[in-house]
C-alpha atoms as a PDB file:
ATOM      1  CA  MET A   1      -0.266  -0.074   0.158  1.00  0.00           C
ATOM      2  CA  ASP A   2       1.756   3.601  -0.913  1.00  0.00           C
ATOM      3  CA  SER A   3       2.095   5.697   1.913  1.00  0.00           C
ATOM      4  CA  ASP A   4       0.505   8.164   0.761  1.00  0.00           C
ATOM      5  CA  LYS A   5      -2.521   6.598   0.660  1.00  0.00           C
ATOM      6  CA  ARG A   6      -2.487   4.503   3.808  1.00  0.00           C
ATOM      7  CA  LEU A   7      -6.797   3.621   4.406  1.00  0.00           C
ATOM      8  CA  LEU A   8      -8.442   4.635   7.514  1.00  0.00           C
ATOM      9  CA  LEU A   9     -10.077   1.560   9.391  1.00  0.00           C
ATOM     10  CA  LEU A  10     -11.592   0.973  12.972  1.00  0.00           C
ATOM     11  CA  LEU A  11     -10.746  -2.077  14.909  1.00  0.00           C
ATOM     12  CA  ALA A  12     -13.092  -2.689  17.446  1.00  0.00           C
ATOM     13  CA  SER A  13     -12.718  -5.320  20.089  1.00  0.00           C
ATOM     14  CA  GLU A  14     -13.355  -5.584  23.641  1.00  0.00           C
ATOM     15  CA  GLY A  15     -10.030  -7.918  24.430  1.00  0.00           C
ATOM     16  CA  GLU A  16      -6.988  -5.735  24.844  1.00  0.00           C
ATOM     17  CA  TRP A  17      -3.800  -8.445  23.847  1.00  0.00           C
ATOM     18  CA  ALA A  18      -5.857  -9.754  20.696  1.00  0.00           C
ATOM     19  CA  GLY A  19      -7.239  -6.047  19.816  1.00  0.00           C
ATOM     20  CA  ARG A  20      -3.204  -5.068  19.922  1.00  0.00           C
ATOM     21  CA  SER A  21      -2.046  -7.681  18.198  1.00  0.00           C
ATOM     22  CA  LEU A  22      -4.206  -8.176  15.501  1.00  0.00           C
ATOM     23  CA  GLU A  23      -3.331  -3.757  15.111  1.00  0.00           C
ATOM     24  CA  SER A  24      -0.135  -4.461  15.053  1.00  0.00           C
ATOM     25  CA  VAL A  25      -1.023  -6.878  12.088  1.00  0.00           C
ATOM     26  CA  LEU A  26      -2.728  -4.160   9.871  1.00  0.00           C
ATOM     27  CA  GLU A  27      -0.437  -1.551  10.824  1.00  0.00           C
ATOM     28  CA  ALA A  28       2.868  -3.592   9.471  1.00  0.00           C
ATOM     29  CA  ASN A  29       0.526  -4.197   6.647  1.00  0.00           C
ATOM     30  CA  GLY A  30       0.056  -0.363   5.614  1.00  0.00           C
ATOM     31  CA  TYR A  31      -3.134   0.042   7.583  1.00  0.00           C
ATOM     32  CA  VAL A  32      -4.009   3.821   9.782  1.00  0.00           C
ATOM     33  CA  VAL A  33      -5.741   2.206  13.054  1.00  0.00           C
ATOM     34  CA  LEU A  34      -8.393   3.517  14.795  1.00  0.00           C
ATOM     35  CA  ARG A  35      -8.923   1.544  17.786  1.00  0.00           C
ATOM     36  CA  CYS A  36     -11.718   2.106  20.966  1.00  0.00           C
ATOM     37  CA  GLN A  37     -13.431  -0.886  22.814  1.00  0.00           C
ATOM     38  CA  SER A  38     -16.972  -0.607  23.119  1.00  0.00           C
ATOM     39  CA  GLY A  39     -20.204  -0.646  20.551  1.00  0.00           C
ATOM     40  CA  ARG A  40     -20.877   3.248  21.223  1.00  0.00           C
ATOM     41  CA  ARG A  41     -17.701   3.968  21.285  1.00  0.00           C
ATOM     42  CA  ALA A  42     -17.388   2.412  18.121  1.00  0.00           C
ATOM     43  CA  LEU A  43     -20.776   4.103  16.536  1.00  0.00           C
ATOM     44  CA  GLU A  44     -19.138   7.438  18.124  1.00  0.00           C
ATOM     45  CA  LEU A  45     -16.077   7.076  16.191  1.00  0.00           C
ATOM     46  CA  SER A  46     -17.691   5.590  13.343  1.00  0.00           C
ATOM     47  CA  ARG A  47     -19.785   8.707  12.400  1.00  0.00           C
ATOM     48  CA  ARG A  48     -17.082  11.080  12.987  1.00  0.00           C
ATOM     49  CA  ALA A  49     -13.684   9.997  11.691  1.00  0.00           C
ATOM     50  CA  ARG A  50     -15.657   7.584   8.602  1.00  0.00           C
ATOM     51  CA  PRO A  51     -12.853   4.668   8.442  1.00  0.00           C
ATOM     52  CA  GLN A  52     -12.233   3.343   5.431  1.00  0.00           C
ATOM     53  CA  ALA A  53     -13.284  -0.310   6.752  1.00  0.00           C
ATOM     54  CA  LEU A  54     -14.438  -1.328  10.325  1.00  0.00           C
ATOM     55  CA  ILE A  55     -14.350  -4.479  12.336  1.00  0.00           C
ATOM     56  CA  LEU A  56     -15.684  -5.350  15.203  1.00  0.00           C
ATOM     57  CA  ASP A  57     -15.997  -8.257  17.685  1.00  0.00           C
ATOM     58  CA  GLU A  58     -19.547  -8.937  17.935  1.00  0.00           C
ATOM     59  CA  SER A  59     -19.160  -9.060  22.128  1.00  0.00           C
ATOM     60  CA  LEU A  60     -18.135  -5.611  22.917  1.00  0.00           C
ATOM     61  CA  PRO A  61     -19.686  -3.879  25.620  1.00  0.00           C
ATOM     62  CA  GLU A  62     -23.036  -2.038  25.755  1.00  0.00           C
ATOM     63  CA  MET A  63     -23.149  -2.502  21.821  1.00  0.00           C
ATOM     64  CA  SER A  64     -22.286  -5.611  19.751  1.00  0.00           C
ATOM     65  CA  GLY A  65     -20.703  -5.419  16.735  1.00  0.00           C
ATOM     66  CA  ILE A  66     -23.772  -6.686  15.002  1.00  0.00           C
ATOM     67  CA  GLU A  67     -25.545  -3.441  16.563  1.00  0.00           C
ATOM     68  CA  VAL A  68     -23.039  -1.027  16.059  1.00  0.00           C
ATOM     69  CA  THR A  69     -22.961  -2.353  12.041  1.00  0.00           C
ATOM     70  CA  ARG A  70     -27.078  -2.115  12.147  1.00  0.00           C
ATOM     71  CA  ALA A  71     -27.119   0.921  13.418  1.00  0.00           C
ATOM     72  CA  LEU A  72     -24.354   2.688  10.977  1.00  0.00           C
ATOM     73  CA  ARG A  73     -26.107   0.675   7.820  1.00  0.00           C
ATOM     74  CA  ALA A  74     -29.450   2.797   8.793  1.00  0.00           C
ATOM     75  CA  ASP A  75     -27.407   6.169   8.996  1.00  0.00           C
ATOM     76  CA  PRO A  76     -28.085   8.504   5.718  1.00  0.00           C
ATOM     77  CA  LEU A  77     -24.271   9.862   6.190  1.00  0.00           C
ATOM     78  CA  PHE A  78     -22.731   6.795   6.776  1.00  0.00           C
ATOM     79  CA  ASP A  79     -21.469   5.225   3.503  1.00  0.00           C
ATOM     80  CA  ARG A  80     -22.786   2.374   2.856  1.00  0.00           C
ATOM     81  CA  VAL A  81     -20.395   0.669   0.825  1.00  0.00           C
ATOM     82  CA  THR A  82     -18.108   0.857   3.921  1.00  0.00           C
ATOM     83  CA  PRO A  83     -16.657  -3.098   4.646  1.00  0.00           C
ATOM     84  CA  ILE A  84     -17.691  -3.775   7.951  1.00  0.00           C
ATOM     85  CA  VAL A  85     -16.242  -7.277   9.172  1.00  0.00           C
ATOM     86  CA  ILE A  86     -17.544  -8.884  12.179  1.00  0.00           C
ATOM     87  CA  THR A  87     -15.538 -11.156  13.928  1.00  0.00           C
ATOM     88  CA  GLY A  88     -17.135 -14.046  16.747  1.00  0.00           C
ATOM     89  CA  ALA A  89     -15.930 -16.454  19.017  1.00  0.00           C
ATOM     90  CA  ALA A  90     -18.455 -18.605  17.513  1.00  0.00           C
ATOM     91  CA  ALA A  91     -19.686 -19.500  13.818  1.00  0.00           C
ATOM     92  CA  THR A  92     -23.682 -20.385  13.849  1.00  0.00           C
ATOM     93  CA  GLY A  93     -25.634 -20.199  11.125  1.00  0.00           C
ATOM     94  CA  ARG A  94     -27.702 -17.744  13.190  1.00  0.00           C
ATOM     95  CA  LEU A  95     -25.448 -15.246  14.470  1.00  0.00           C
ATOM     96  CA  ARG A  96     -24.157 -15.980  10.380  1.00  0.00           C
ATOM     97  CA  ASN A  97     -27.266 -14.628   8.944  1.00  0.00           C
ATOM     98  CA  GLU A  98     -27.401 -11.949  11.757  1.00  0.00           C
ATOM     99  CA  ALA A  99     -24.218 -10.471  10.632  1.00  0.00           C
ATOM    100  CA  TYR A 100     -24.962 -10.560   6.964  1.00  0.00           C
ATOM    101  CA  GLY A 101     -28.682  -9.323   7.471  1.00  0.00           C
ATOM    102  CA  ALA A 102     -27.127  -6.298   9.161  1.00  0.00           C
ATOM    103  CA  GLY A 103     -25.167  -5.436   6.579  1.00  0.00           C
ATOM    104  CA  ALA A 104     -21.288  -6.777   7.387  1.00  0.00           C
ATOM    105  CA  TRP A 105     -19.688  -8.394   4.214  1.00  0.00           C
ATOM    106  CA  GLU A 106     -17.585 -11.187   6.291  1.00  0.00           C
ATOM    107  CA  TYR A 107     -17.831 -12.663   9.748  1.00  0.00           C
ATOM    108  CA  CYS A 108     -14.809 -13.883  10.795  1.00  0.00           C
ATOM    109  CA  VAL A 109     -14.078 -17.042  13.826  1.00  0.00           C
ATOM    110  CA  HIS A 110     -11.218 -16.965  16.674  1.00  0.00           C
ATOM    111  CA  PRO A 111      -8.736 -17.063  16.099  1.00  0.00           C
ATOM    112  CA  ILE A 112      -8.509 -15.255  13.370  1.00  0.00           C
ATOM    113  CA  ASP A 113      -6.276 -16.896   9.806  1.00  0.00           C
ATOM    114  CA  THR A 114      -4.496 -12.683   9.514  1.00  0.00           C
ATOM    115  CA  GLU A 115      -3.401 -13.518   5.858  1.00  0.00           C
ATOM    116  CA  VAL A 116      -6.695 -14.455   5.129  1.00  0.00           C
ATOM    117  CA  LEU A 117      -8.576 -11.468   6.823  1.00  0.00           C
ATOM    118  CA  LEU A 118      -5.982  -9.246   4.928  1.00  0.00           C
ATOM    119  CA  LEU A 119      -6.317 -10.673   1.403  1.00  0.00           C
ATOM    120  CA  LYS A 120     -10.222 -10.033   1.956  1.00  0.00           C
ATOM    121  CA  LEU A 121      -9.525  -6.535   3.773  1.00  0.00           C
ATOM    122  CA  ALA A 122      -7.556  -5.777   0.241  1.00  0.00           C
ATOM    123  CA  THR A 123     -11.050  -6.812  -2.105  1.00  0.00           C
ATOM    124  CA  PHE A 124     -13.287  -5.462  -0.756  1.00  0.00           C
ATOM    125  CA  LEU A 125     -10.869  -1.778  -0.299  1.00  0.00           C
ATOM    126  CA  ARG A 126     -10.540  -1.994  -3.554  1.00  0.00           C
ATOM    127  CA  ALA A 127     -14.721  -2.089  -4.471  1.00  0.00           C
ATOM    128  CA  LYS A 128     -15.077   1.139  -2.296  1.00  0.00           C
ATOM    129  CA  VAL A 129     -12.412   2.935  -3.802  1.00  0.00           C
ATOM    130  CA  GLN A 130     -13.077   2.259  -7.422  1.00  0.00           C
ATOM    131  CA  SER A 131     -16.587   2.697  -6.156  1.00  0.00           C
ATOM    132  CA  ASP A 132     -15.725   5.952  -4.351  1.00  0.00           C
ATOM    133  CA  GLU A 133     -13.626   7.427  -7.710  1.00  0.00           C
ATOM    134  CA  TRP A 134     -16.598   6.259  -9.759  1.00  0.00           C
ATOM    135  CA  ARG A 135     -19.386   8.345  -7.651  1.00  0.00           C
ATOM    136  CA  THR A 136     -16.871  11.694  -7.593  1.00  0.00           C
ATOM    137  CA  ARG A 137     -16.161  12.051 -11.142  1.00  0.00           C
ATOM    138  CA  SER A 138     -20.297  11.531 -11.943  1.00  0.00           C
ATOM    139  CA  LEU A 139     -20.891  13.648  -8.914  1.00  0.00           C
ATOM    140  CA  ILE A 140     -18.615  16.352  -8.340  1.00  0.00           C
ATOM    141  CA  ASP A 141     -17.222  19.741 -11.133  1.00  0.00           C
ATOM    142  CA  ASP A 142     -13.989  19.067 -12.178  1.00  0.00           C
ATOM    143  CA  VAL A 143     -13.189  22.442 -12.078  1.00  0.00           C
ATOM    144  CA  THR A 144     -14.843  23.754  -9.443  1.00  0.00           C
ATOM    145  CA  GLY A 145     -14.286  19.788  -7.478  1.00  0.00           C
ATOM    146  CA  LEU A 146     -18.533  21.116  -5.869  1.00  0.00           C
ATOM    147  CA  TYR A 147     -21.586  18.898  -6.363  1.00  0.00           C
ATOM    148  CA  SER A 148     -23.331  19.050  -9.537  1.00  0.00           C
ATOM    149  CA  MET A 149     -27.467  19.457  -9.186  1.00  0.00           C
ATOM    150  CA  GLU A 150     -27.506  15.591  -8.443  1.00  0.00           C
ATOM    151  CA  GLY A 151     -24.871  15.249  -5.671  1.00  0.00           C
ATOM    152  CA  LEU A 152     -26.623  18.260  -4.230  1.00  0.00           C
ATOM    153  CA  GLN A 153     -30.084  16.233  -3.918  1.00  0.00           C
ATOM    154  CA  GLN A 154     -28.815  13.235  -2.932  1.00  0.00           C
ATOM    155  CA  TRP A 155     -26.433  15.292   0.281  1.00  0.00           C
ATOM    156  CA  ALA A 156     -30.097  17.041   0.636  1.00  0.00           C
ATOM    157  CA  ARG A 157     -32.003  13.763   1.185  1.00  0.00           C
ATOM    158  CA  ARG A 158     -28.988  12.173   3.355  1.00  0.00           C
ATOM    159  CA  LEU A 159     -29.002  15.194   5.128  1.00  0.00           C
ATOM    160  CA  GLY A 160     -32.569  15.773   5.758  1.00  0.00           C
ATOM    161  CA  ALA A 161     -33.305  12.137   6.957  1.00  0.00           C
ATOM    162  CA  ARG A 162     -31.104  12.428   9.444  1.00  0.00           C
ATOM    163  CA  ALA A 163     -32.622  15.959  10.482  1.00  0.00           C
ATOM    164  CA  ILE A 164     -35.945  14.102  10.536  1.00  0.00           C
ATOM    165  CA  ARG A 165     -34.625  11.237  13.099  1.00  0.00           C
ATOM    166  CA  GLY A 166     -33.296  13.441  15.506  1.00  0.00           C
ATOM    167  CA  HIS A 167     -36.021  16.523  15.682  1.00  0.00           C
ATOM    168  CA  GLU A 168     -32.635  18.699  14.440  1.00  0.00           C
ATOM    169  CA  PRO A 169     -32.624  22.064  12.072  1.00  0.00           C
ATOM    170  CA  PHE A 170     -31.839  22.134   8.144  1.00  0.00           C
ATOM    171  CA  ALA A 171     -31.733  25.063   6.177  1.00  0.00           C
ATOM    172  CA  CYS A 172     -30.757  25.761   2.600  1.00  0.00           C
ATOM    173  CA  VAL A 173     -28.489  28.373   0.986  1.00  0.00           C
ATOM    174  CA  ALA A 174     -29.040  29.407  -2.565  1.00  0.00           C
ATOM    175  CA  ILE A 175     -26.106  32.147  -3.373  1.00  0.00           C
ATOM    176  CA  ASP A 176     -25.844  34.572  -6.893  1.00  0.00           C
ATOM    177  CA  PRO A 177     -22.282  34.973  -6.886  1.00  0.00           C
ATOM    178  CA  SER A 178     -22.488  38.828  -9.778  1.00  0.00           C
ATOM    179  CA  ILE A 179     -19.803  40.879 -10.870  1.00  0.00           C
ATOM    180  CA  THR A 180     -19.905  44.361 -10.626  1.00  0.00           C
ATOM    181  CA  ASP A 181     -19.925  46.032 -14.214  1.00  0.00           C
ATOM    182  CA  ASP A 182     -16.558  47.974 -12.930  1.00  0.00           C
ATOM    183  CA  ALA A 183     -14.897  44.533 -11.584  1.00  0.00           C
ATOM    184  CA  VAL A 184     -14.640  42.819 -15.151  1.00  0.00           C
ATOM    185  CA  ARG A 185     -10.669  43.131 -16.116  1.00  0.00           C
ATOM    186  CA  LEU A 186     -10.000  39.965 -17.778  1.00  0.00           C
ATOM    187  CA  PRO A 187     -11.771  38.569 -20.536  1.00  0.00           C
ATOM    188  CA  GLU A 188     -10.459  35.220 -18.903  1.00  0.00           C
ATOM    189  CA  PHE A 189     -12.171  34.979 -15.670  1.00  0.00           C
ATOM    190  CA  GLY A 190     -15.356  33.501 -16.566  1.00  0.00           C
ATOM    191  CA  VAL A 191     -18.129  31.558 -14.976  1.00  0.00           C
ATOM    192  CA  ALA A 192     -16.133  27.899 -14.267  1.00  0.00           C
ATOM    193  CA  GLU A 193     -13.153  30.213 -12.417  1.00  0.00           C
ATOM    194  CA  ARG A 194     -14.885  32.524 -10.308  1.00  0.00           C
ATOM    195  CA  LEU A 195     -17.072  29.955  -9.116  1.00  0.00           C
ATOM    196  CA  ALA A 196     -13.779  27.469  -8.363  1.00  0.00           C
ATOM    197  CA  HIS A 197     -12.386  30.707  -6.135  1.00  0.00           C
ATOM    198  CA  ILE A 198     -16.040  31.183  -4.579  1.00  0.00           C
ATOM    199  CA  ALA A 199     -15.472  27.294  -3.955  1.00  0.00           C
ATOM    200  CA  GLU A 200     -12.059  27.361  -2.040  1.00  0.00           C
ATOM    201  CA  VAL A 201     -12.761  30.907  -0.009  1.00  0.00           C
ATOM    202  CA  TRP A 202     -16.308  29.080   0.920  1.00  0.00           C
ATOM    203  CA  ARG A 203     -13.803  26.229   2.099  1.00  0.00           C
ATOM    204  CA  ALA A 204     -11.787  27.514   4.298  1.00  0.00           C
ATOM    205  CA  SER A 205     -14.660  29.552   6.417  1.00  0.00           C
ATOM    206  CA  ALA A 206     -16.863  25.798   6.059  1.00  0.00           C
ATOM    207  CA  ARG A 207     -18.508  23.824   8.747  1.00  0.00           C
ATOM    208  CA  ARG A 208     -17.268  20.330   7.219  1.00  0.00           C
ATOM    209  CA  SER A 209     -20.846  19.763   8.266  1.00  0.00           C
ATOM    210  CA  ASP A 210     -22.233  22.065   4.777  1.00  0.00           C
ATOM    211  CA  VAL A 211     -21.899  20.968   1.277  1.00  0.00           C
ATOM    212  CA  MET A 212     -22.109  23.380  -1.589  1.00  0.00           C
ATOM    213  CA  GLY A 213     -22.976  22.426  -4.891  1.00  0.00           C
ATOM    214  CA  HIS A 214     -24.162  24.113  -8.351  1.00  0.00           C
ATOM    215  CA  LEU A 215     -27.370  25.563  -9.068  1.00  0.00           C
ATOM    216  CA  ASP A 216     -27.560  25.637 -12.900  1.00  0.00           C
ATOM    217  CA  GLY A 217     -27.333  29.564 -14.567  1.00  0.00           C
ATOM    218  CA  GLY A 218     -23.529  30.303 -12.401  1.00  0.00           C
ATOM    219  CA  ARG A 219     -25.878  29.588  -9.229  1.00  0.00           C
ATOM    220  CA  LEU A 220     -24.593  28.015  -6.352  1.00  0.00           C
ATOM    221  CA  ALA A 221     -26.268  26.094  -3.202  1.00  0.00           C
ATOM    222  CA  ILE A 222     -25.158  25.424   0.489  1.00  0.00           C
ATOM    223  CA  LEU A 223     -26.748  22.602   2.356  1.00  0.00           C
ATOM    224  CA  ALA A 224     -26.761  23.366   6.392  1.00  0.00           C
ATOM    225  CA  PRO A 225     -27.125  20.327   9.032  1.00  0.00           C
ATOM    226  CA  GLU A 226     -28.045  21.939  12.166  1.00  0.00           C
ATOM    227  CA  THR A 227     -28.858  25.317  10.770  1.00  0.00           C
ATOM    228  CA  ASP A 228     -31.841  27.642  11.580  1.00  0.00           C
ATOM    229  CA  GLY A 229     -32.672  30.356  10.022  1.00  0.00           C
ATOM    230  CA  PRO A 230     -30.679  33.096  12.026  1.00  0.00           C
ATOM    231  CA  GLY A 231     -27.671  30.675  11.901  1.00  0.00           C
ATOM    232  CA  ALA A 232     -28.291  30.735   7.864  1.00  0.00           C
ATOM    233  CA  SER A 233     -28.415  34.753   7.832  1.00  0.00           C
ATOM    234  CA  ARG A 234     -25.180  34.426   9.746  1.00  0.00           C
ATOM    235  CA  LEU A 235     -23.204  31.866   7.153  1.00  0.00           C
ATOM    236  CA  VAL A 236     -24.352  34.162   4.276  1.00  0.00           C
ATOM    237  CA  GLU A 237     -21.891  36.773   6.170  1.00  0.00           C
ATOM    238  CA  ARG A 238     -19.917  34.654   7.054  1.00  0.00           C
ATOM    239  CA  LEU A 239     -19.342  33.856   3.140  1.00  0.00           C
ATOM    240  CA  ARG A 240     -19.082  37.638   2.065  1.00  0.00           C
ATOM    241  CA  THR A 241     -16.936  38.676   4.429  1.00  0.00           C
ATOM    242  CA  ALA A 242     -14.465  35.835   3.320  1.00  0.00           C
ATOM    243  CA  LEU A 243     -15.120  36.544  -0.270  1.00  0.00           C
ATOM    244  CA  GLU A 244     -14.875  40.278   0.168  1.00  0.00           C
ATOM    245  CA  GLN A 245     -11.187  39.874   2.026  1.00  0.00           C
ATOM    246  CA  SER A 246      -9.852  37.457  -0.716  1.00  0.00           C
ATOM    247  CA  VAL A 247      -8.361  37.981  -3.725  1.00  0.00           C
ATOM    248  CA  ASP A 248      -9.305  36.810  -7.141  1.00  0.00           C
ATOM    249  CA  ILE A 249      -6.833  35.333  -9.594  1.00  0.00           C
ATOM    250  CA  SER A 250      -6.369  38.764 -11.438  1.00  0.00           C
ATOM    251  CA  GLY A 251      -4.957  39.835  -8.771  1.00  0.00           C
ATOM    252  CA  GLU A 252      -7.378  41.943  -7.443  1.00  0.00           C
ATOM    253  CA  HIS A 253      -9.583  41.840  -4.549  1.00  0.00           C
ATOM    254  CA  SER A 254     -12.877  39.277  -5.191  1.00  0.00           C
ATOM    255  CA  ASN A 255     -15.497  41.903  -6.763  1.00  0.00           C
ATOM    256  CA  ALA A 256     -18.665  39.276  -5.893  1.00  0.00           C
ATOM    257  CA  VAL A 257     -21.985  40.923  -4.980  1.00  0.00           C
ATOM    258  CA  LEU A 258     -23.441  37.873  -3.027  1.00  0.00           C
ATOM    259  CA  ARG A 259     -27.326  37.713  -2.779  1.00  0.00           C
ATOM    260  CA  ALA A 260     -28.407  35.253  -1.292  1.00  0.00           C
ATOM    261  CA  GLY A 261     -31.912  33.244  -0.508  1.00  0.00           C
ATOM    262  CA  TYR A 262     -32.422  30.754   1.898  1.00  0.00           C
ATOM    263  CA  CYS A 263     -35.299  28.225   3.517  1.00  0.00           C
ATOM    264  CA  ALA A 264     -34.526  26.919   6.874  1.00  0.00           C
ATOM    265  CA  PHE A 265     -35.984  24.734   9.453  1.00  0.00           C
ATOM    266  CA  ALA A 266     -35.501  24.998  14.030  1.00  0.00           C
ATOM    267  CA  ASP A 267     -36.989  21.268  13.964  1.00  0.00           C
ATOM    268  CA  PHE A 268     -37.438  19.437   9.841  1.00  0.00           C
ATOM    269  CA  ALA A 269     -39.259  16.527  11.191  1.00  0.00           C
ATOM    270  CA  ALA A 270     -41.911  19.352  12.193  1.00  0.00           C
ATOM    271  CA  ALA A 271     -41.221  20.285   8.825  1.00  0.00           C
ATOM    272  CA  ALA A 272     -43.465  17.382   6.016  1.00  0.00           C
ATOM    273  CA  VAL A 273     -41.155  18.827   3.833  1.00  0.00           C
ATOM    274  CA  GLU A 274     -38.894  17.018   1.339  1.00  0.00           C
ATOM    275  CA  PRO A 275     -35.248  17.683   1.525  1.00  0.00           C
ATOM    276  CA  VAL A 276     -35.190  18.418  -2.308  1.00  0.00           C
ATOM    277  CA  GLU A 277     -38.401  21.246  -2.239  1.00  0.00           C
ATOM    278  CA  VAL A 278     -36.055  23.239   0.762  1.00  0.00           C
ATOM    279  CA  MET A 279     -33.413  23.279  -2.374  1.00  0.00           C
ATOM    280  CA  ARG A 280     -36.176  24.818  -4.350  1.00  0.00           C
ATOM    281  CA  ARG A 281     -37.162  27.339  -1.660  1.00  0.00           C
ATOM    282  CA  ALA A 282     -34.318  28.659  -1.020  1.00  0.00           C
ATOM    283  CA  GLU A 283     -34.033  29.323  -4.724  1.00  0.00           C
ATOM    284  CA  ARG A 284     -36.822  31.102  -4.719  1.00  0.00           C
ATOM    285  CA  ALA A 285     -36.067  33.239  -2.231  1.00  0.00           C
ATOM    286  CA  LEU A 286     -32.828  33.737  -4.358  1.00  0.00           C
ATOM    287  CA  ALA A 287     -35.016  34.590  -7.009  1.00  0.00           C
ATOM    288  CA  HIS A 288     -36.633  37.387  -4.951  1.00  0.00           C
ATOM    289  CA  ALA A 289     -33.485  38.601  -3.831  1.00  0.00           C
ATOM    290  CA  THR A 290     -31.516  39.238  -7.291  1.00  0.00           C
ATOM    291  CA  THR A 291     -35.191  40.201  -8.979  1.00  0.00           C
ATOM    292  CA  ALA A 292     -35.268  43.198  -6.079  1.00  0.00           C
ATOM    293  CA  ARG A 293     -31.633  43.469  -6.266  1.00  0.00           C
ATOM    294  CA  ILE A 294     -31.138  42.976  -2.794  1.00  0.00           C
ATOM    295  CA  SER A 295     -27.113  42.441  -1.987  1.00  0.00           C
ATOM    296  CA  GLY A 296     -27.749  42.752   1.697  1.00  0.00           C
ATOM    297  CA  PRO A 297     -28.647  40.322   4.173  1.00  0.00           C
ATOM    298  CA  ALA A 298     -30.101  37.301   2.847  1.00  0.00           C
ATOM    299  CA  VAL A 299     -33.670  36.522   2.135  1.00  0.00           C
ATOM    300  CA  ALA A 300     -35.529  33.642   3.403  1.00  0.00           C
ATOM    301  CA  PHE A 301     -38.650  31.999   1.746  1.00  0.00           C
ATOM    302  CA  ASP A 302     -41.470  33.379   4.615  1.00  0.00           C
ATOM    303  CA  GLN A 303     -40.564  36.705   3.681  1.00  0.00           C
ATOM    304  CA  VAL A 304     -41.717  36.087  -0.250  1.00  0.00           C
ATOM    305  CA  SER A 305     -43.979  32.761   0.091  1.00  0.00           C
END
């Protein structure tokens, strides 16, 4: 495995000696190992660190490996093509079937044949990496590195589903970065390059959980989980300030006039609105801001509906 492409693997094992032994084998074969000793900790770390693969012991305290697998497969933000291997002391048909039914890729019995496990992991991870590359090419624009409309819609459904389950806030902000008349200095500074610049500025100030992508007509959208109306407004002001302080490819301070509209809910479960509809409403709020030439505070959907 190339040293610059080391894959993160989560290893959850109750036994200290067995866990350290397997961790040593995995690290010697090029993996970066994140180890824990309880099911709840494994669930927490999986959601936070997003490992490329997981090895979970069936007998973990607090939550079994199968219960952790079932919870992760039900989480819309967890990558469903992430390989999960369950290990256990018993190899009954019931346990195997339960593990596979929960979403495990393999069930291994102690003592583990590490050579066979390494071969299986390599095969599983090649499939995941190829799947990730295909999805990236199909859903992300090469120039800006932002999600396409299809990619945005997929993320809206995933983030929305999680917000509904947790009764959390959820928002979408639509922005239109226009250029003032006196700012057109470089003919080659086209729409794609301008959006790429805005994307770079946004990444430097954005939360990791926010997702930005393309709308039509050179407009952008930001999906913001755990964000209510005031939070969406602050998000726009943060981006506007960062953009005003940035330098574009002409070597000058950016001269984009940022117009924005948003749709936000404090409890998305109570909204009874489809996640993609939140995007449409943010677009309608942006259309109002653009028509009225509002370049100040972001316009809320409730103000124009």
